[in-house]
Amino acid sequence: MHTEQLAPMKPAILAMTERRRAPRLSNRELEVLRAWVLTDSKQAAASQLFITPATVNTHITRIRTKYADLGRPATTKATLLARAIQDGVINLDDL
């Protein structure tokens, strides 16, 4: 009986797997992320959530840090939206 050995994962595949890990976001961070990417501004997200725009900014900064720590930087709103879609936080139907 012939047994195939699995080839070790190539570094590129390992890097891709690492990039796909989702950060551990709190429920509030998820709420803020969804509100912000689905509205026109931090002010609109803040009004929707009954918080200040500064609080929205604080949460977004923490979320970006968590993504960066996983090697998946999200320095723009568009990139953060892409990460949220990749991680199932937002569906295309939500847009």
PDB file of N, CA and C in Angstrom:
ATOM      1  N   MET A   1       0.832  -1.173   0.000  1.00  0.00           N
ATOM      2  CA  MET A   1       0.000   0.000   0.000  1.00  0.00           C
ATOM      3  C   MET A   1       0.883   1.245   0.000  1.00  0.00           C
ATOM      4  N   HIS A   2       0.602   2.154  -0.914  1.00  0.00           N
ATOM      5  CA  HIS A   2       1.402   3.358  -1.059  1.00  0.00           C
ATOM      6  C   HIS A   2       0.809   4.487  -0.214  1.00  0.00           C
ATOM      7  N   THR A   3       1.607   5.069   0.611  1.00  0.00           N
ATOM      8  CA  THR A   3       1.156   6.172   1.460  1.00  0.00           C
ATOM      9  C   THR A   3       1.826   7.447   0.995  1.00  0.00           C
ATOM     10  N   GLU A   4       1.017   8.454   0.652  1.00  0.00           N
ATOM     11  CA  GLU A   4       1.574   9.729   0.231  1.00  0.00           C
ATOM     12  C   GLU A   4       1.872  10.578   1.458  1.00  0.00           C
ATOM     13  N   GLN A   5       2.991  11.238   1.397  1.00  0.00           N
ATOM     14  CA  GLN A   5       3.325  12.174   2.462  1.00  0.00           C
ATOM     15  C   GLN A   5       2.865  13.556   2.053  1.00  0.00           C
ATOM     16  N   LEU A   6       2.337  14.262   3.002  1.00  0.00           N
ATOM     17  CA  LEU A   6       1.942  15.632   2.726  1.00  0.00           C
ATOM     18  C   LEU A   6       3.176  16.509   2.690  1.00  0.00           C
ATOM     19  N   ALA A   7       3.261  17.311   1.653  1.00  0.00           N
ATOM     20  CA  ALA A   7       4.387  18.232   1.540  1.00  0.00           C
ATOM     21  C   ALA A   7       4.221  19.330   2.581  1.00  0.00           C
ATOM     22  N   PRO A   8       5.316  19.785   3.152  1.00  0.00           N
ATOM     23  CA  PRO A   8       5.197  20.885   4.114  1.00  0.00           C
ATOM     24  C   PRO A   8       4.640  22.124   3.405  1.00  0.00           C
ATOM     25  N   MET A   9       3.907  22.938   4.166  1.00  0.00           N
ATOM     26  CA  MET A   9       3.337  24.146   3.582  1.00  0.00           C
ATOM     27  C   MET A   9       4.441  25.103   3.170  1.00  0.00           C
ATOM     28  N   LYS A  10       4.270  25.683   2.020  1.00  0.00           N
ATOM     29  CA  LYS A  10       5.240  26.665   1.544  1.00  0.00           C
ATOM     30  C   LYS A  10       5.075  27.957   2.334  1.00  0.00           C
ATOM     31  N   PRO A  11       6.134  28.731   2.451  1.00  0.00           N
ATOM     32  CA  PRO A  11       6.036  29.987   3.208  1.00  0.00           C
ATOM     33  C   PRO A  11       4.920  30.911   2.724  1.00  0.00           C
ATOM     34  N   ALA A  12       4.691  30.987   1.415  1.00  0.00           N
ATOM     35  CA  ALA A  12       3.635  31.868   0.896  1.00  0.00           C
ATOM     36  C   ALA A  12       2.267  31.423   1.386  1.00  0.00           C
ATOM     37  N   ILE A  13       2.055  30.122   1.441  1.00  0.00           N
ATOM     38  CA  ILE A  13       0.775  29.599   1.921  1.00  0.00           C
ATOM     39  C   ILE A  13       0.629  29.882   3.411  1.00  0.00           C
ATOM     40  N   LEU A  14       1.697  29.719   4.155  1.00  0.00           N
ATOM     41  CA  LEU A  14       1.657  30.029   5.582  1.00  0.00           C
ATOM     42  C   LEU A  14       1.349  31.507   5.789  1.00  0.00           C
ATOM     43  N   ALA A  15       1.969  32.359   4.993  1.00  0.00           N
ATOM     44  CA  ALA A  15       1.732  33.795   5.125  1.00  0.00           C
ATOM     45  C   ALA A  15       0.281  34.120   4.798  1.00  0.00           C
ATOM     46  N   MET A  16      -0.277  33.484   3.762  1.00  0.00           N
ATOM     47  CA  MET A  16      -1.663  33.732   3.401  1.00  0.00           C
ATOM     48  C   MET A  16      -2.594  33.274   4.517  1.00  0.00           C
ATOM     49  N   THR A  17      -2.320  32.123   5.108  1.00  0.00           N
ATOM     50  CA  THR A  17      -3.119  31.621   6.208  1.00  0.00           C
ATOM     51  C   THR A  17      -3.060  32.590   7.383  1.00  0.00           C
ATOM     52  N   GLU A  18      -1.886  33.101   7.672  1.00  0.00           N
ATOM     53  CA  GLU A  18      -1.714  34.057   8.767  1.00  0.00           C
ATOM     54  C   GLU A  18      -2.508  35.331   8.512  1.00  0.00           C
ATOM     55  N   ARG A  19      -2.495  35.822   7.266  1.00  0.00           N
ATOM     56  CA  ARG A  19      -3.215  37.052   6.937  1.00  0.00           C
ATOM     57  C   ARG A  19      -4.718  36.877   7.092  1.00  0.00           C
ATOM     58  N   ARG A  20      -5.216  35.683   6.961  1.00  0.00           N
ATOM     59  CA  ARG A  20      -6.651  35.446   7.007  1.00  0.00           C
ATOM     60  C   ARG A  20      -7.192  35.293   8.421  1.00  0.00           C
ATOM     61  N   ARG A  21      -6.331  35.270   9.418  1.00  0.00           N
ATOM     62  CA  ARG A  21      -6.822  35.180  10.795  1.00  0.00           C
ATOM     63  C   ARG A  21      -7.571  36.452  11.145  1.00  0.00           C
ATOM     64  N   ALA A  22      -8.722  36.279  11.728  1.00  0.00           N
ATOM     65  CA  ALA A  22      -9.523  37.433  12.128  1.00  0.00           C
ATOM     66  C   ALA A  22      -9.130  37.869  13.535  1.00  0.00           C
ATOM     67  N   PRO A  23      -9.078  39.172  13.758  1.00  0.00           N
ATOM     68  CA  PRO A  23      -8.773  39.644  15.114  1.00  0.00           C
ATOM     69  C   PRO A  23      -9.953  39.388  16.039  1.00  0.00           C
ATOM     70  N   ARG A  24      -9.671  39.343  17.305  1.00  0.00           N
ATOM     71  CA  ARG A  24     -10.735  39.181  18.303  1.00  0.00           C
ATOM     72  C   ARG A  24     -11.279  40.567  18.640  1.00  0.00           C
ATOM     73  N   LEU A  25     -12.411  40.875  18.056  1.00  0.00           N
ATOM     74  CA  LEU A  25     -13.033  42.167  18.289  1.00  0.00           C
ATOM     75  C   LEU A  25     -14.146  42.011  19.313  1.00  0.00           C
ATOM     76  N   SER A  26     -14.250  43.000  20.198  1.00  0.00           N
ATOM     77  CA  SER A  26     -15.331  42.984  21.183  1.00  0.00           C
ATOM     78  C   SER A  26     -16.658  43.233  20.460  1.00  0.00           C
ATOM     79  N   ASN A  27     -17.755  42.967  21.136  1.00  0.00           N
ATOM     80  CA  ASN A  27     -19.068  43.231  20.555  1.00  0.00           C
ATOM     81  C   ASN A  27     -19.221  44.702  20.201  1.00  0.00           C
ATOM     82  N   ARG A  28     -18.728  45.577  21.055  1.00  0.00           N
ATOM     83  CA  ARG A  28     -18.837  47.014  20.779  1.00  0.00           C
ATOM     84  C   ARG A  28     -17.972  47.410  19.588  1.00  0.00           C
ATOM     85  N   GLU A  29     -16.779  46.839  19.498  1.00  0.00           N
ATOM     86  CA  GLU A  29     -15.924  47.121  18.339  1.00  0.00           C
ATOM     87  C   GLU A  29     -16.604  46.669  17.052  1.00  0.00           C
ATOM     88  N   LEU A  30     -17.250  45.529  17.090  1.00  0.00           N
ATOM     89  CA  LEU A  30     -17.993  45.049  15.915  1.00  0.00           C
ATOM     90  C   LEU A  30     -19.124  46.007  15.552  1.00  0.00           C
ATOM     91  N   GLU A  31     -19.848  46.484  16.557  1.00  0.00           N
ATOM     92  CA  GLU A  31     -20.930  47.449  16.322  1.00  0.00           C
ATOM     93  C   GLU A  31     -20.404  48.725  15.676  1.00  0.00           C
ATOM     94  N   VAL A  32     -19.323  49.239  16.220  1.00  0.00           N
ATOM     95  CA  VAL A  32     -18.747  50.476  15.712  1.00  0.00           C
ATOM     96  C   VAL A  32     -18.208  50.266  14.303  1.00  0.00           C
ATOM     97  N   LEU A  33     -17.524  49.177  14.076  1.00  0.00           N
ATOM     98  CA  LEU A  33     -16.992  48.877  12.750  1.00  0.00           C
ATOM     99  C   LEU A  33     -18.114  48.831  11.720  1.00  0.00           C
ATOM    100  N   ARG A  34     -19.163  48.077  12.028  1.00  0.00           N
ATOM    101  CA  ARG A  34     -20.294  47.970  11.100  1.00  0.00           C
ATOM    102  C   ARG A  34     -20.943  49.334  10.857  1.00  0.00           C
ATOM    103  N   ALA A  35     -21.189  50.079  11.916  1.00  0.00           N
ATOM    104  CA  ALA A  35     -21.829  51.381  11.769  1.00  0.00           C
ATOM    105  C   ALA A  35     -20.975  52.329  10.931  1.00  0.00           C
ATOM    106  N   TRP A  36     -19.683  52.323  11.177  1.00  0.00           N
ATOM    107  CA  TRP A  36     -18.804  53.259  10.473  1.00  0.00           C
ATOM    108  C   TRP A  36     -18.671  52.928   8.993  1.00  0.00           C
ATOM    109  N   VAL A  37     -18.453  51.660   8.666  1.00  0.00           N
ATOM    110  CA  VAL A  37     -18.265  51.337   7.246  1.00  0.00           C
ATOM    111  C   VAL A  37     -19.580  51.413   6.466  1.00  0.00           C
ATOM    112  N   LEU A  38     -20.710  51.351   7.160  1.00  0.00           N
ATOM    113  CA  LEU A  38     -21.991  51.414   6.469  1.00  0.00           C
ATOM    114  C   LEU A  38     -22.612  52.813   6.459  1.00  0.00           C
ATOM    115  N   THR A  39     -21.897  53.789   7.011  1.00  0.00           N
ATOM    116  CA  THR A  39     -22.372  55.177   6.985  1.00  0.00           C
ATOM    117  C   THR A  39     -21.332  56.045   6.282  1.00  0.00           C
ATOM    118  N   ASP A  40     -21.682  57.302   6.131  1.00  0.00           N
ATOM    119  CA  ASP A  40     -20.801  58.224   5.402  1.00  0.00           C
ATOM    120  C   ASP A  40     -19.682  58.810   6.235  1.00  0.00           C
ATOM    121  N   SER A  41     -19.833  58.777   7.552  1.00  0.00           N
ATOM    122  CA  SER A  41     -18.836  59.445   8.381  1.00  0.00           C
ATOM    123  C   SER A  41     -18.824  58.885   9.804  1.00  0.00           C
ATOM    124  N   LYS A  42     -17.794  59.267  10.523  1.00  0.00           N
ATOM    125  CA  LYS A  42     -17.728  58.905  11.939  1.00  0.00           C
ATOM    126  C   LYS A  42     -18.824  59.612  12.713  1.00  0.00           C
ATOM    127  N   GLN A  43     -19.165  60.818  12.293  1.00  0.00           N
ATOM    128  CA  GLN A  43     -20.254  61.560  12.946  1.00  0.00           C
ATOM    129  C   GLN A  43     -21.574  60.800  12.790  1.00  0.00           C
ATOM    130  N   ALA A  44     -21.845  60.284  11.599  1.00  0.00           N
ATOM    131  CA  ALA A  44     -23.082  59.534  11.370  1.00  0.00           C
ATOM    132  C   ALA A  44     -23.097  58.243  12.186  1.00  0.00           C
ATOM    133  N   ALA A  45     -21.970  57.564  12.242  1.00  0.00           N
ATOM    134  CA  ALA A  45     -21.876  56.335  13.043  1.00  0.00           C
ATOM    135  C   ALA A  45     -22.075  56.658  14.519  1.00  0.00           C
ATOM    136  N   ALA A  46     -21.478  57.743  14.970  1.00  0.00           N
ATOM    137  CA  ALA A  46     -21.603  58.152  16.374  1.00  0.00           C
ATOM    138  C   ALA A  46     -23.061  58.449  16.712  1.00  0.00           C
ATOM    139  N   SER A  47     -23.746  59.174  15.848  1.00  0.00           N
ATOM    140  CA  SER A  47     -25.157  59.494  16.082  1.00  0.00           C
ATOM    141  C   SER A  47     -26.000  58.230  16.154  1.00  0.00           C
ATOM    142  N   GLN A  48     -25.728  57.306  15.271  1.00  0.00           N
ATOM    143  CA  GLN A  48     -26.468  56.038  15.242  1.00  0.00           C
ATOM    144  C   GLN A  48     -26.278  55.242  16.529  1.00  0.00           C
ATOM    145  N   LEU A  49     -25.068  55.296  17.088  1.00  0.00           N
ATOM    146  CA  LEU A  49     -24.731  54.498  18.275  1.00  0.00           C
ATOM    147  C   LEU A  49     -24.839  55.283  19.591  1.00  0.00           C
ATOM    148  N   PHE A  50     -25.210  56.562  19.495  1.00  0.00           N
ATOM    149  CA  PHE A  50     -25.339  57.423  20.684  1.00  0.00           C
ATOM    150  C   PHE A  50     -24.017  57.548  21.446  1.00  0.00           C
ATOM    151  N   ILE A  51     -22.939  57.740  20.680  1.00  0.00           N
ATOM    152  CA  ILE A  51     -21.612  57.972  21.245  1.00  0.00           C
ATOM    153  C   ILE A  51     -21.014  59.173  20.512  1.00  0.00           C
ATOM    154  N   THR A  52     -19.840  59.612  20.925  1.00  0.00           N
ATOM    155  CA  THR A  52     -19.191  60.741  20.257  1.00  0.00           C
ATOM    156  C   THR A  52     -18.333  60.253  19.091  1.00  0.00           C
ATOM    157  N   PRO A  53     -18.065  61.134  18.143  1.00  0.00           N
ATOM    158  CA  PRO A  53     -17.150  60.768  17.059  1.00  0.00           C
ATOM    159  C   PRO A  53     -15.762  60.380  17.583  1.00  0.00           C
ATOM    160  N   ALA A  54     -15.337  60.994  18.678  1.00  0.00           N
ATOM    161  CA  ALA A  54     -14.039  60.640  19.276  1.00  0.00           C
ATOM    162  C   ALA A  54     -14.038  59.188  19.756  1.00  0.00           C
ATOM    163  N   THR A  55     -15.167  58.740  20.281  1.00  0.00           N
ATOM    164  CA  THR A  55     -15.271  57.346  20.724  1.00  0.00           C
ATOM    165  C   THR A  55     -15.239  56.408  19.530  1.00  0.00           C
ATOM    166  N   VAL A  56     -15.913  56.788  18.461  1.00  0.00           N
ATOM    167  CA  VAL A  56     -15.842  55.994  17.221  1.00  0.00           C
ATOM    168  C   VAL A  56     -14.391  55.898  16.780  1.00  0.00           C
ATOM    169  N   ASN A  57     -13.700  57.023  16.772  1.00  0.00           N
ATOM    170  CA  ASN A  57     -12.298  57.044  16.354  1.00  0.00           C
ATOM    171  C   ASN A  57     -11.434  56.141  17.236  1.00  0.00           C
ATOM    172  N   THR A  58     -11.673  56.166  18.535  1.00  0.00           N
ATOM    173  CA  THR A  58     -10.916  55.305  19.453  1.00  0.00           C
ATOM    174  C   THR A  58     -11.120  53.833  19.112  1.00  0.00           C
ATOM    175  N   HIS A  59     -12.361  53.446  18.890  1.00  0.00           N
ATOM    176  CA  HIS A  59     -12.646  52.046  18.538  1.00  0.00           C
ATOM    177  C   HIS A  59     -12.002  51.669  17.203  1.00  0.00           C
ATOM    178  N   ILE A  60     -12.104  52.534  16.216  1.00  0.00           N
ATOM    179  CA  ILE A  60     -11.527  52.245  14.896  1.00  0.00           C
ATOM    180  C   ILE A  60     -10.009  52.111  15.003  1.00  0.00           C
ATOM    181  N   THR A  61      -9.389  52.955  15.804  1.00  0.00           N
ATOM    182  CA  THR A  61      -7.938  52.863  16.016  1.00  0.00           C
ATOM    183  C   THR A  61      -7.572  51.514  16.631  1.00  0.00           C
ATOM    184  N   ARG A  62      -8.331  51.084  17.629  1.00  0.00           N
ATOM    185  CA  ARG A  62      -8.070  49.775  18.273  1.00  0.00           C
ATOM    186  C   ARG A  62      -8.271  48.630  17.283  1.00  0.00           C
ATOM    187  N   ILE A  63      -9.312  48.724  16.468  1.00  0.00           N
ATOM    188  CA  ILE A  63      -9.588  47.682  15.466  1.00  0.00           C
ATOM    189  C   ILE A  63      -8.442  47.607  14.460  1.00  0.00           C
ATOM    190  N   ARG A  64      -7.998  48.763  13.990  1.00  0.00           N
ATOM    191  CA  ARG A  64      -6.877  48.780  13.038  1.00  0.00           C
ATOM    192  C   ARG A  64      -5.613  48.193  13.653  1.00  0.00           C
ATOM    193  N   THR A  65      -5.383  48.477  14.913  1.00  0.00           N
ATOM    194  CA  THR A  65      -4.213  47.923  15.602  1.00  0.00           C
ATOM    195  C   THR A  65      -4.300  46.399  15.664  1.00  0.00           C
ATOM    196  N   LYS A  66      -5.480  45.880  15.958  1.00  0.00           N
ATOM    197  CA  LYS A  66      -5.657  44.430  16.033  1.00  0.00           C
ATOM    198  C   LYS A  66      -5.414  43.778  14.676  1.00  0.00           C
ATOM    199  N   TYR A  67      -5.875  44.407  13.610  1.00  0.00           N
ATOM    200  CA  TYR A  67      -5.606  43.871  12.270  1.00  0.00           C
ATOM    201  C   TYR A  67      -4.113  43.941  11.950  1.00  0.00           C
ATOM    202  N   ALA A  68      -3.493  45.059  12.251  1.00  0.00           N
ATOM    203  CA  ALA A  68      -2.060  45.214  11.980  1.00  0.00           C
ATOM    204  C   ALA A  68      -1.244  44.185  12.750  1.00  0.00           C
ATOM    205  N   ASP A  69      -1.631  43.908  13.985  1.00  0.00           N
ATOM    206  CA  ASP A  69      -0.921  42.918  14.798  1.00  0.00           C
ATOM    207  C   ASP A  69      -0.956  41.528  14.171  1.00  0.00           C
ATOM    208  N   LEU A  70      -1.968  41.263  13.342  1.00  0.00           N
ATOM    209  CA  LEU A  70      -2.071  39.972  12.662  1.00  0.00           C
ATOM    210  C   LEU A  70      -1.433  39.995  11.270  1.00  0.00           C
ATOM    211  N   GLY A  71      -0.812  41.113  10.933  1.00  0.00           N
ATOM    212  CA  GLY A  71      -0.192  41.226   9.624  1.00  0.00           C
ATOM    213  C   GLY A  71      -1.195  41.519   8.519  1.00  0.00           C
ATOM    214  N   ARG A  72      -2.349  42.060   8.895  1.00  0.00           N
ATOM    215  CA  ARG A  72      -3.399  42.389   7.935  1.00  0.00           C
ATOM    216  C   ARG A  72      -3.783  43.859   8.099  1.00  0.00           C
ATOM    217  N   PRO A  73      -2.861  44.770   7.767  1.00  0.00           N
ATOM    218  CA  PRO A  73      -3.130  46.182   8.010  1.00  0.00           C
ATOM    219  C   PRO A  73      -4.386  46.663   7.288  1.00  0.00           C
ATOM    220  N   ALA A  74      -5.063  47.598   7.915  1.00  0.00           N
ATOM    221  CA  ALA A  74      -6.273  48.200   7.353  1.00  0.00           C
ATOM    222  C   ALA A  74      -6.207  49.696   7.622  1.00  0.00           C
ATOM    223  N   THR A  75      -5.402  50.377   6.834  1.00  0.00           N
ATOM    224  CA  THR A  75      -5.121  51.783   7.098  1.00  0.00           C
ATOM    225  C   THR A  75      -6.133  52.742   6.482  1.00  0.00           C
ATOM    226  N   THR A  76      -6.996  52.242   5.608  1.00  0.00           N
ATOM    227  CA  THR A  76      -8.029  53.084   5.009  1.00  0.00           C
ATOM    228  C   THR A  76      -9.395  52.490   5.294  1.00  0.00           C
ATOM    229  N   LYS A  77     -10.416  53.297   5.112  1.00  0.00           N
ATOM    230  CA  LYS A  77     -11.781  52.811   5.311  1.00  0.00           C
ATOM    231  C   LYS A  77     -12.091  51.692   4.321  1.00  0.00           C
ATOM    232  N   ALA A  78     -11.630  51.836   3.089  1.00  0.00           N
ATOM    233  CA  ALA A  78     -11.865  50.802   2.076  1.00  0.00           C
ATOM    234  C   ALA A  78     -11.204  49.479   2.455  1.00  0.00           C
ATOM    235  N   THR A  79      -9.989  49.552   2.968  1.00  0.00           N
ATOM    236  CA  THR A  79      -9.287  48.331   3.380  1.00  0.00           C
ATOM    237  C   THR A  79      -9.968  47.712   4.593  1.00  0.00           C
ATOM    238  N   LEU A  80     -10.411  48.535   5.508  1.00  0.00           N
ATOM    239  CA  LEU A  80     -11.111  48.017   6.683  1.00  0.00           C
ATOM    240  C   LEU A  80     -12.430  47.365   6.272  1.00  0.00           C
ATOM    241  N   LEU A  81     -13.120  47.942   5.303  1.00  0.00           N
ATOM    242  CA  LEU A  81     -14.332  47.322   4.770  1.00  0.00           C
ATOM    243  C   LEU A  81     -14.006  45.966   4.153  1.00  0.00           C
ATOM    244  N   ALA A  82     -12.924  45.894   3.381  1.00  0.00           N
ATOM    245  CA  ALA A  82     -12.515  44.620   2.777  1.00  0.00           C
ATOM    246  C   ALA A  82     -12.232  43.576   3.852  1.00  0.00           C
ATOM    247  N   ARG A  83     -11.533  43.962   4.914  1.00  0.00           N
ATOM    248  CA  ARG A  83     -11.249  43.024   6.013  1.00  0.00           C
ATOM    249  C   ARG A  83     -12.547  42.553   6.670  1.00  0.00           C
ATOM    250  N   ALA A  84     -13.476  43.475   6.874  1.00  0.00           N
ATOM    251  CA  ALA A  84     -14.755  43.126   7.498  1.00  0.00           C
ATOM    252  C   ALA A  84     -15.532  42.132   6.626  1.00  0.00           C
ATOM    253  N   ILE A  85     -15.475  42.313   5.327  1.00  0.00           N
ATOM    254  CA  ILE A  85     -16.135  41.371   4.415  1.00  0.00           C
ATOM    255  C   ILE A  85     -15.422  40.026   4.452  1.00  0.00           C
ATOM    256  N   GLN A  86     -14.086  40.042   4.381  1.00  0.00           N
ATOM    257  CA  GLN A  86     -13.313  38.802   4.423  1.00  0.00           C
ATOM    258  C   GLN A  86     -13.595  38.002   5.686  1.00  0.00           C
ATOM    259  N   ASP A  87     -13.807  38.695   6.794  1.00  0.00           N
ATOM    260  CA  ASP A  87     -13.985  38.029   8.086  1.00  0.00           C
ATOM    261  C   ASP A  87     -15.443  37.787   8.438  1.00  0.00           C
ATOM    262  N   GLY A  88     -16.361  38.113   7.535  1.00  0.00           N
ATOM    263  CA  GLY A  88     -17.768  37.842   7.755  1.00  0.00           C
ATOM    264  C   GLY A  88     -18.466  38.801   8.703  1.00  0.00           C
ATOM    265  N   VAL A  89     -17.839  39.939   8.986  1.00  0.00           N
ATOM    266  CA  VAL A  89     -18.460  40.937   9.854  1.00  0.00           C
ATOM    267  C   VAL A  89     -19.551  41.665   9.082  1.00  0.00           C
ATOM    268  N   ILE A  90     -19.326  41.855   7.790  1.00  0.00           N
ATOM    269  CA  ILE A  90     -20.281  42.518   6.910  1.00  0.00           C
ATOM    270  C   ILE A  90     -20.453  41.655   5.666  1.00  0.00           C
ATOM    271  N   ASN A  91     -21.688  41.556   5.219  1.00  0.00           N
ATOM    272  CA  ASN A  91     -21.987  40.829   3.984  1.00  0.00           C
ATOM    273  C   ASN A  91     -22.160  41.827   2.852  1.00  0.00           C
ATOM    274  N   LEU A  92     -21.941  41.391   1.638  1.00  0.00           N
ATOM    275  CA  LEU A  92     -22.136  42.272   0.494  1.00  0.00           C
ATOM    276  C   LEU A  92     -23.564  42.794   0.428  1.00  0.00           C
ATOM    277  N   ASP A  93     -24.524  42.005   0.894  1.00  0.00           N
ATOM    278  CA  ASP A  93     -25.919  42.437   0.900  1.00  0.00           C
ATOM    279  C   ASP A  93     -26.147  43.611   1.853  1.00  0.00           C
ATOM    280  N   ASP A  94     -25.262  43.795   2.827  1.00  0.00           N
ATOM    281  CA  ASP A  94     -25.376  44.908   3.764  1.00  0.00           C
ATOM    282  C   ASP A  94     -25.053  46.248   3.111  1.00  0.00           C
ATOM    283  N   LEU A  95     -24.291  46.179   2.027  1.00  0.00           N
ATOM    284  CA  LEU A  95     -23.821  47.412   1.391  1.00  0.00           C
ATOM    285  C   LEU A  95     -24.874  48.024   0.543  1.00  0.00           C
TER     286      LEU A  95
END
